[in-house]
Every structure is written in C-alpha cells, then in structure tokens.
Protein backbone atom coordinates (compact mmCIF):
# COMPACT_ATOMS: atom_id res chain seq x y z
CA MET A 1 -7.93 31.32 -23.50
CA PRO A 2 -10.93 29.26 -22.20
CA GLU A 3 -11.37 28.54 -18.66
CA HIS A 4 -13.07 25.08 -18.90
CA PHE A 5 -9.42 23.28 -18.79
CA LEU A 6 -10.05 23.29 -15.05
CA LEU A 7 -12.92 20.51 -15.59
CA ALA A 8 -11.31 18.88 -18.38
CA GLY A 9 -9.99 16.16 -16.27
CA VAL A 10 -6.16 16.93 -16.70
CA ARG A 11 -4.30 19.49 -14.66
CA PRO A 12 -3.21 22.50 -16.83
CA PRO A 13 0.64 23.00 -17.70
CA ALA A 14 2.28 25.67 -15.79
CA LEU A 15 2.68 27.69 -18.87
CA THR A 16 -1.16 27.73 -19.47
CA ILE A 17 -1.72 28.81 -15.97
CA ALA A 18 0.83 31.66 -16.27
CA ALA A 19 -0.69 32.89 -19.47
CA ILE A 20 -4.19 32.88 -17.99
CA ALA A 21 -2.85 34.71 -15.00
CA LEU A 22 -1.47 37.42 -17.15
CA THR A 23 -4.96 37.97 -18.77
CA PRO A 24 -6.31 41.34 -17.97
CA GLY A 25 -9.01 41.00 -15.28
CA GLY A 26 -8.73 37.62 -14.78
CA SER A 27 -5.54 37.22 -12.57
CA GLY A 28 -7.13 38.27 -9.24
CA ALA A 29 -9.59 35.63 -9.53
CA LEU A 30 -7.62 32.89 -10.65
CA VAL A 31 -4.81 33.57 -7.79
CA PHE A 32 -7.64 33.34 -5.45
CA LEU A 33 -8.78 30.09 -6.88
CA ILE A 34 -5.25 28.57 -6.68
CA ALA A 35 -4.99 29.74 -2.95
CA THR A 36 -8.08 28.20 -2.18
CA ILE A 37 -6.94 24.82 -3.80
CA VAL A 38 -3.76 25.17 -1.99
CA VAL A 39 -5.68 25.50 1.48
CA ALA A 40 -8.11 22.65 0.59
CA VAL A 41 -4.90 20.47 -0.22
CA CYS A 42 -3.68 21.53 3.30
CA PHE A 43 -7.10 20.60 4.85
CA ASP A 44 -6.73 17.26 3.12
CA PHE A 45 -3.21 16.83 4.45
CA THR A 46 -4.35 17.47 8.24
CA ASN A 47 -7.31 15.30 7.66
CA GLY A 48 -4.95 12.59 6.66
CA PHE A 49 -2.50 12.72 9.58
CA HIS A 50 -5.52 13.45 11.98
CA ASP A 51 -7.50 10.63 10.76
CA THR A 52 -4.61 7.97 10.73
CA ALA A 53 -5.69 6.64 13.91
CA ASN A 54 -8.93 5.55 12.45
CA ALA A 55 -7.31 3.01 10.38
CA ILE A 56 -4.77 1.97 12.69
CA ALA A 57 -5.16 2.48 16.27
CA THR A 58 -6.62 -1.02 17.18
CA SER A 59 -3.82 -2.60 14.99
CA VAL A 60 -1.11 -0.78 16.83
CA SER A 61 -2.66 -1.04 20.45
CA THR A 62 -3.21 -4.78 19.86
CA ARG A 63 0.27 -5.27 18.49
CA ALA A 64 -1.21 -6.86 15.33
CA LEU A 65 1.07 -4.29 13.24
CA PRO A 66 4.15 -2.06 14.28
CA ALA A 67 3.09 1.48 14.00
CA ARG A 68 5.45 2.59 11.33
CA VAL A 69 4.29 -0.48 9.08
CA ALA A 70 0.58 0.27 10.27
CA ILE A 71 1.07 3.98 8.81
CA LEU A 72 2.57 3.01 5.59
CA MET A 73 -0.03 0.58 4.96
CA ALA A 74 -2.65 3.25 5.65
CA THR A 75 -1.07 5.81 3.46
CA GLY A 76 -1.33 3.50 0.31
CA LEU A 77 -4.81 2.34 1.00
CA ASN A 78 -6.09 5.69 1.78
CA PHE A 79 -4.86 6.80 -1.61
CA LEU A 80 -6.26 4.29 -3.37
CA GLY A 81 -9.56 4.21 -1.55
CA ALA A 82 -9.95 8.00 -2.93
CA PHE A 83 -10.71 6.58 -6.26
CA VAL A 84 -13.69 4.32 -5.52
CA SER A 85 -16.42 6.98 -6.56
CA THR A 86 -17.44 10.56 -6.20
CA GLN A 87 -20.81 10.28 -4.86
CA VAL A 88 -19.73 12.04 -1.42
CA ALA A 89 -18.14 14.95 -3.20
CA LYS A 90 -21.28 15.42 -5.22
CA THR A 91 -23.21 15.50 -1.80
CA ILE A 92 -20.95 18.01 -0.24
CA GLY A 93 -20.93 20.38 -3.23
CA THR A 94 -24.56 20.11 -4.14
CA ASP A 95 -26.69 19.15 -1.10
CA VAL A 96 -25.49 21.29 1.74
CA ALA A 97 -25.92 24.85 0.27
CA GLN A 98 -27.05 26.47 -3.01
CA ARG A 99 -24.44 26.65 -5.57
CA THR A 100 -24.41 30.50 -5.55
CA SER A 101 -23.58 30.63 -2.19
CA LEU A 102 -20.59 28.07 -2.41
CA THR A 103 -18.38 30.76 -3.87
CA GLN A 104 -14.43 30.82 -3.39
CA VAL A 105 -14.75 32.87 -0.18
CA ALA A 106 -17.32 30.41 1.43
CA VAL A 107 -15.05 27.39 0.47
CA MET A 108 -12.07 29.45 1.69
CA ALA A 109 -13.65 30.23 5.03
CA ALA A 110 -14.79 26.87 5.59
CA LEU A 111 -11.37 25.29 5.06
CA LEU A 112 -9.53 27.73 7.21
CA ALA A 113 -12.28 26.73 9.99
CA ALA A 114 -11.62 23.14 9.65
CA ILE A 115 -8.08 23.11 9.51
CA GLY A 116 -7.82 25.51 12.67
CA TRP A 117 -10.15 22.88 14.51
CA ASN A 118 -8.31 19.93 13.31
CA LEU A 119 -5.02 21.27 14.42
CA ILE A 120 -6.58 22.36 18.01
CA THR A 121 -8.08 18.73 18.64
CA TRP A 122 -4.96 16.86 17.23
CA TYR A 123 -2.70 19.02 19.67
CA TYR A 124 -4.92 17.93 22.45
CA GLY A 125 -5.39 14.48 21.36
CA LEU A 126 -9.06 14.82 20.72
CA PRO A 127 -10.47 12.41 17.88
CA SER A 128 -12.93 15.02 16.52
CA SER A 129 -14.41 14.71 13.13
CA SER A 130 -12.92 16.47 10.18
CA SER A 131 -16.36 15.89 8.55
CA HIS A 132 -18.15 17.94 11.19
CA ALA A 133 -15.81 20.69 11.02
CA LEU A 134 -15.96 21.03 7.19
CA ILE A 135 -19.60 20.55 7.11
CA GLY A 136 -20.25 22.97 9.73
CA GLY A 137 -17.90 25.35 8.14
CA LEU A 138 -19.52 25.36 4.84
CA ILE A 139 -22.90 26.04 6.66
CA GLY A 140 -21.69 29.02 8.56
CA ALA A 141 -19.60 30.55 5.43
CA ALA A 142 -22.61 29.95 3.13
CA VAL A 143 -24.94 31.92 5.41
CA VAL A 144 -22.60 34.75 5.73
CA VAL A 145 -22.10 34.92 1.77
CA SER A 146 -25.73 34.54 0.75
CA SER A 147 -26.62 37.22 3.48
CA HIS A 148 -24.09 39.47 1.73
CA GLN A 149 -25.19 38.82 -1.52
CA LEU A 150 -28.92 39.55 -0.62
CA GLY A 151 -28.02 42.28 1.70
CA ARG A 152 -29.83 40.89 4.42
CA VAL A 153 -29.51 38.18 6.96
CA THR A 154 -30.69 35.02 5.76
CA PHE A 155 -30.51 31.40 5.72
CA GLU A 156 -32.21 30.58 2.32
CA ALA A 157 -28.87 29.37 0.86
CA LEU A 158 -29.16 26.29 3.10
CA LYS A 159 -30.72 23.22 1.75
CA GLY A 160 -32.55 21.77 4.66
CA GLY A 161 -33.21 18.48 3.17
CA GLY A 162 -29.71 17.77 2.37
CA ILE A 163 -28.11 19.10 5.64
CA LEU A 164 -30.75 16.80 7.18
CA LYS A 165 -29.53 13.70 5.36
CA VAL A 166 -25.90 14.58 6.04
CA VAL A 167 -26.75 15.03 9.82
CA LEU A 168 -28.41 12.00 10.15
CA SER A 169 -25.69 10.13 8.48
CA LEU A 170 -23.25 11.40 10.92
CA ILE A 171 -25.31 10.90 13.99
CA LEU A 172 -26.54 7.33 13.19
CA SER A 173 -23.08 5.85 11.99
CA PRO A 174 -21.58 5.65 15.28
CA PRO A 175 -24.35 3.69 16.97
CA LEU A 176 -24.55 1.60 13.94
CA GLY A 177 -20.77 0.71 14.28
CA LEU A 178 -21.43 -0.03 17.93
CA ALA A 179 -24.06 -2.31 17.42
CA LEU A 180 -22.43 -3.96 14.31
CA ALA A 181 -18.99 -4.29 16.33
CA TYR A 182 -20.85 -5.82 19.43
CA THR A 183 -22.70 -8.46 17.19
CA LEU A 184 -19.52 -9.41 15.46
CA ALA A 185 -17.60 -9.83 18.90
CA ILE A 186 -20.30 -12.22 20.15
CA ALA A 187 -20.18 -14.25 16.86
CA LEU A 188 -16.51 -14.32 16.89
CA ILE A 189 -16.54 -15.68 20.47
CA TRP A 190 -18.79 -18.51 19.33
CA ILE A 191 -17.15 -19.37 16.46
CA PHE A 192 -13.78 -19.92 18.31
CA ARG A 193 -15.26 -21.16 21.53
CA ARG A 194 -13.49 -24.39 21.11
CA THR A 195 -10.21 -22.97 19.79
CA PRO A 196 -7.14 -22.74 22.26
CA PRO A 197 -6.76 -19.09 23.26
CA GLY A 198 -3.12 -18.77 21.64
CA ARG A 199 -4.46 -20.03 18.36
CA VAL A 200 -7.25 -17.53 18.49
CA SER A 201 -4.67 -14.70 19.15
CA ASP A 202 -2.41 -15.99 16.25
CA ILE A 203 -5.48 -16.05 13.82
CA SER A 204 -6.80 -12.78 15.14
CA ARG A 205 -3.59 -10.80 14.44
CA TRP A 206 -3.60 -11.87 10.72
CA LEU A 207 -7.25 -11.41 10.31
CA GLN A 208 -6.59 -7.87 12.03
CA ARG A 209 -4.22 -6.82 9.56
CA LEU A 210 -6.67 -7.50 6.81
CA SER A 211 -9.44 -5.53 8.78
CA ALA A 212 -6.90 -2.54 9.32
CA ALA A 213 -6.48 -2.41 5.50
CA PHE A 214 -10.12 -2.50 5.03
CA VAL A 215 -10.55 0.40 7.26
CA ALA A 216 -7.88 2.52 5.76
CA PHE A 217 -9.29 1.80 2.24
CA SER A 218 -12.80 2.79 3.30
CA HIS A 219 -11.44 5.90 4.97
CA GLY A 220 -9.95 7.16 1.90
CA SER A 221 -13.47 6.36 -0.08
CA ASN A 222 -15.05 8.88 1.98
CA ASP A 223 -12.75 11.44 3.71
CA ALA A 224 -10.74 12.41 0.50
CA GLN A 225 -14.11 12.80 -1.51
CA LYS A 226 -14.93 15.88 1.11
CA THR A 227 -12.01 17.87 -0.20
CA MET A 228 -12.84 17.13 -3.71
CA GLY A 229 -16.31 18.49 -3.38
CA VAL A 230 -15.20 21.73 -2.01
CA ILE A 231 -12.25 22.00 -4.79
CA THR A 232 -14.77 21.54 -7.50
CA ALA A 233 -17.26 24.14 -5.97
CA ALA A 234 -14.35 26.52 -5.89
CA VAL A 235 -13.71 25.70 -9.58
CA LEU A 236 -17.40 25.89 -10.58
CA SER A 237 -17.66 29.42 -8.74
CA TYR A 238 -14.40 30.67 -10.55
CA GLN A 239 -15.95 29.68 -13.94
CA GLY A 240 -19.20 31.53 -12.85
CA ALA A 241 -21.22 28.09 -13.66
CA SER A 242 -24.87 28.29 -13.02
CA ALA A 243 -26.71 26.53 -10.37
CA SER A 244 -27.78 23.88 -12.74
CA ALA A 245 -24.40 23.45 -14.22
CA GLN A 246 -23.29 19.65 -13.84
CA PHE A 247 -21.13 18.73 -10.81
CA HIS A 248 -18.40 16.55 -12.22
CA VAL A 249 -15.38 16.04 -10.16
CA PRO A 250 -12.35 16.15 -12.73
CA VAL A 251 -9.67 13.48 -12.75
CA TRP A 252 -6.88 15.96 -11.60
CA VAL A 253 -8.82 16.81 -8.40
CA ILE A 254 -9.25 13.15 -7.36
CA ILE A 255 -5.50 12.65 -7.96
CA LEU A 256 -4.81 15.92 -6.03
CA SER A 257 -6.89 14.84 -2.82
CA ALA A 258 -5.90 11.49 -2.90
CA THR A 259 -2.23 12.42 -2.83
CA ALA A 260 -2.53 15.04 -0.23
CA MET A 261 -4.61 12.56 2.19
CA GLY A 262 -2.06 9.79 1.42
CA LEU A 263 0.91 12.28 2.48
CA GLY A 264 -0.85 13.30 5.42
CA THR A 265 -1.55 9.96 6.43
CA SER A 266 2.18 9.16 6.33
CA PHE A 267 3.01 11.46 9.11
CA GLY A 268 0.56 9.78 11.42
CA GLY A 269 -1.22 11.12 14.51
CA TRP A 270 0.18 9.35 17.53
CA ARG A 271 -1.53 11.53 20.09
CA ILE A 272 -4.99 10.26 18.48
CA ILE A 273 -3.69 6.66 18.03
CA GLN A 274 -3.04 6.60 21.92
CA THR A 275 -6.70 7.72 22.52
CA MET A 276 -8.62 5.75 20.06
CA GLY A 277 -6.53 2.58 20.62
CA MET A 278 -5.32 2.58 24.22
CA ARG A 279 -7.49 5.08 26.32
CA VAL A 280 -11.08 4.23 25.42
CA VAL A 281 -10.78 0.25 25.93
CA LYS A 282 -8.36 -2.23 26.32
CA LEU A 283 -8.55 -4.44 23.08
CA ARG A 284 -7.46 -8.14 22.02
CA PRO A 285 -6.54 -8.68 18.37
CA ILE A 286 -10.15 -10.54 17.95
CA ASP A 287 -11.80 -7.31 19.40
CA GLY A 288 -9.64 -5.11 17.09
CA PHE A 289 -10.85 -7.26 14.06
CA ALA A 290 -14.38 -6.91 15.05
CA ALA A 291 -14.14 -3.12 15.61
CA GLU A 292 -12.40 -2.56 12.31
CA THR A 293 -14.62 -4.93 10.17
CA ALA A 294 -17.65 -3.14 11.53
CA ALA A 295 -16.24 0.11 10.95
CA GLY A 296 -15.02 -0.37 7.25
CA SER A 297 -18.29 -1.87 6.43
CA ILE A 298 -20.18 1.08 7.74
CA ILE A 299 -18.00 3.60 5.92
CA ILE A 300 -17.80 1.85 2.60
CA ALA A 301 -21.45 1.28 2.51
CA ALA A 302 -21.96 5.09 3.33
CA SER A 303 -19.35 6.05 0.44
CA SER A 304 -21.44 3.98 -2.23
CA LEU A 305 -24.62 5.92 -1.15
CA GLY A 306 -22.90 9.16 -1.22
CA LEU A 307 -23.19 9.77 2.45
CA PRO A 308 -20.40 11.73 4.26
CA VAL A 309 -19.68 10.26 7.64
CA SER A 310 -17.38 10.69 10.32
CA THR A 311 -14.67 7.94 10.38
CA THR A 312 -13.59 9.09 13.70
CA HIS A 313 -17.23 8.40 15.02
CA VAL A 314 -17.84 5.23 13.32
CA ILE A 315 -14.26 3.58 14.45
CA ALA A 316 -14.78 5.07 18.01
CA GLY A 317 -18.48 3.44 18.30
CA SER A 318 -17.08 0.20 17.06
CA ILE A 319 -14.31 -0.01 19.68
CA MET A 320 -17.05 0.94 22.36
CA GLY A 321 -19.02 -1.96 20.98
CA VAL A 322 -16.57 -4.30 21.36
CA GLY A 323 -15.62 -3.09 24.96
CA ALA A 324 -19.32 -3.36 26.02
CA ARG A 325 -19.19 -6.96 24.71
CA GLN A 326 -16.75 -7.52 27.31
CA ARG A 327 -18.54 -5.64 30.00
CA LEU A 328 -19.72 -2.12 30.11
CA GLY A 329 -17.24 -1.28 32.75
CA ALA A 330 -14.48 -2.29 30.35
CA VAL A 331 -15.13 0.93 28.33
CA ARG A 332 -13.44 4.08 29.81
CA TRP A 333 -16.82 6.07 29.59
CA GLY A 334 -15.10 9.45 30.77
CA VAL A 335 -12.56 9.50 27.97
CA ALA A 336 -15.64 8.53 25.75
CA GLY A 337 -17.41 11.09 27.23
CA ASP A 338 -14.73 13.88 26.45
CA MET A 339 -14.67 12.56 22.87
CA VAL A 340 -18.43 13.10 22.48
CA VAL A 341 -18.16 16.60 23.95
CA ALA A 342 -15.55 17.36 21.17
CA TRP A 343 -17.68 15.95 18.59
CA ILE A 344 -20.67 17.79 19.68
CA LEU A 345 -18.83 21.03 19.73
CA THR A 346 -17.05 20.64 16.40
CA GLY A 347 -19.92 21.63 13.95
CA PRO A 348 -21.14 24.53 15.75
CA ILE A 349 -17.80 25.97 16.61
CA SER A 350 -16.51 25.34 12.93
CA ALA A 351 -19.50 27.27 11.68
CA ILE A 352 -19.00 30.24 13.75
CA ILE A 353 -15.25 30.41 13.18
CA ALA A 354 -15.94 29.91 9.21
CA ALA A 355 -18.59 32.68 9.50
CA LEU A 356 -16.05 35.09 10.90
CA PHE A 357 -13.54 34.08 8.24
CA ALA A 358 -16.13 34.78 5.42
CA ILE A 359 -16.71 38.19 7.01
CA ILE A 360 -12.99 39.09 7.07
CA LEU A 361 -12.44 37.89 3.55
CA LEU A 362 -15.74 39.95 2.50
CA ALA A 363 -14.73 42.87 4.27
CA VAL A 364 -11.19 43.02 2.49
CA GLY A 365 -12.87 43.02 -0.97
CA LEU A 366 -12.73 39.24 -2.12
CA ARG A 367 -15.74 38.49 -4.08
CA GLY A 368 -14.59 34.99 -5.43
C-alpha cells in the first residue's frame, strides 16, 4: 500500500488507515504519526482559545460587540483565514531546522512543550505567544534529535539564517504595530476633529466591528499555518522523505488545522481578553479601530511574506500605541511589563521543555 496518500490532498478513508496499520512493520510508525497529528490538533485548539483575545479583546472592552457575538465572528473568520496561503507553514517546516532533524519525535516534543506553556499562561491570564512557544520548542527538540542521530551534542541541525528571519519578524512586529496604531490614532483624531463626539463614537463602533473581523481573519492566516507546517513535517518524516523533497501542505492538513483553530476560538479565553482589552489601557471605540486595523495589516502582510509573527505581540503593541497617543500614563506599564517578561521567557522555556520531552521519547525507544 503506497504511503503517498498522506500528501495527496485528501484524507484517507478509515478502512485504508486500518489496512496500513495492520501492515507488518508499519503499524508502530503509523500509530505514532496519528498520535502526533492528534497532539498538533490539540495545540491548534489551545492556540485558538488562547489567542481569541487577539481578535476580539478591544471590541469587547469598548462594547462594540458583545463577547458571545465577537467569539462567534472570530471563530468563522479564523477558519477562513487559514486558507489564505501556506507560506508561513513552509517557513516553519523548512527554515528553522534541517528536515532530517524534524522527525515525529521532534514535532511531538515541540507540540507538547507549546501546549503546556499555552495552558500555564492561559490559566494565569498572561497573553504569551503560541508562536514563540512552538518555534522555541522546535529548536530545542531538533537539537536533541540531531545530537542523538550523530551521537554527540551538536547544533548543526539549526538553520541560523532562517531562525534569524523568524526571530526578527517576531521582535520587530510589535513595535511596528505600536507605531502604526499610534499614527492611525492621530490621523483619526484629525479626520473627526469637527465631528460631534457622540457621532464619532457611533461611527467608530461600526468601524471597529469591521476591524475586529479583519484581525480575526489575519490571525487565522498566520497562526493556523504553524500547525500545518509541523503536521506536514511529521508526515514527511513518516514517509522517509529526503531533505530535497518538496514541502507541500496537503488540503486535508489545511482543513484540519483551520477546523481545530476555529473550534478552539469558539471556546474563547476570557482571562486573556480581560488583560488585553481592559488592563493594559482603557480604550474607546475609535482607539480599538486604530489598534485592530494596525495589527491586522501587519499580520496579513507577514502572512503573505511567509513570516510567522506573534499575533499576541502585534495586537498588544498596537493597543499600547493608541494608549501612548492619549498620554504615556494611559498605558498601565506594570501590566505591560508582566506581559513582556512572559514573552521573553516563552521561547527559552519552551525550548528546554521540548528538549526534555524529546529526551524522554527517545529514551523509551521512539525513533519516528
């Protein structure tokens, strides 16, 4: 039975999976692949409810949208956004580490670390980055797997140029969001300078509903692709594909990732919504529109360029930008500082946790 059905663009029938699972010598690897995909879907789900706040926090805090309506809107648009492209998925699957080190063990370890960190930060209401967690996990796991393969400690599997590109996109996107939101907020004040405040508020609420939809769509276009990238990497590892094999994301992976993120979004993350939309800075509808428009623009541009960004970082930077426009004191810098500390720690901690998971998986005899 050929194994290339996994990249054929359709999900195999259950009977086909069962038949392959019964093939001598192939069942163990297939079971581990299925387990890896299940864990990836769980990560995508936690990413969805963890990052719901990115799309709707400002709309809920300004009362432009009721929380339940905002979450439903974000659910649908997160799903649709996942179909924009697969450029970010290719970056995750090919630019962070050598293909030979991104085995199923590496992917599984990275996902377990990212899920754990997502749940911890969600519980404490800290809007940390799922992107940082996953990429940090991939780096830590890839180092362990490649060291195991070569019989010595090595960092040769890591792609310095690719990691630098990813790190720069993660670092630069929040200040870009801050600057763009600050500029938009000033421009909007000038545009509506002769409009009665009540009229400005009414117009802004309608505009913010559109901008919230834009952020939700852009979030799906970037974050869902990260799961697509690791699932595709796991499938290629299962197939024993060479390093030169084409990195093609099949349709069934896109649908699976989009669905998991959409379902996760539907559960919402009220703790993080409160932090992002209410504790960082007090927002008006016009401020929310500026913040969401700036964040959505940066995220969708990054997706088109294949750059993974932290949607959490970008929207938080944008919120700080509109707050700084009011006055520097309008931003609750103590809360912002707690968020920054969580962001800084996410990558290294996830890398360490993933490395430990990889060591455990290899120690119990898994070689996928």
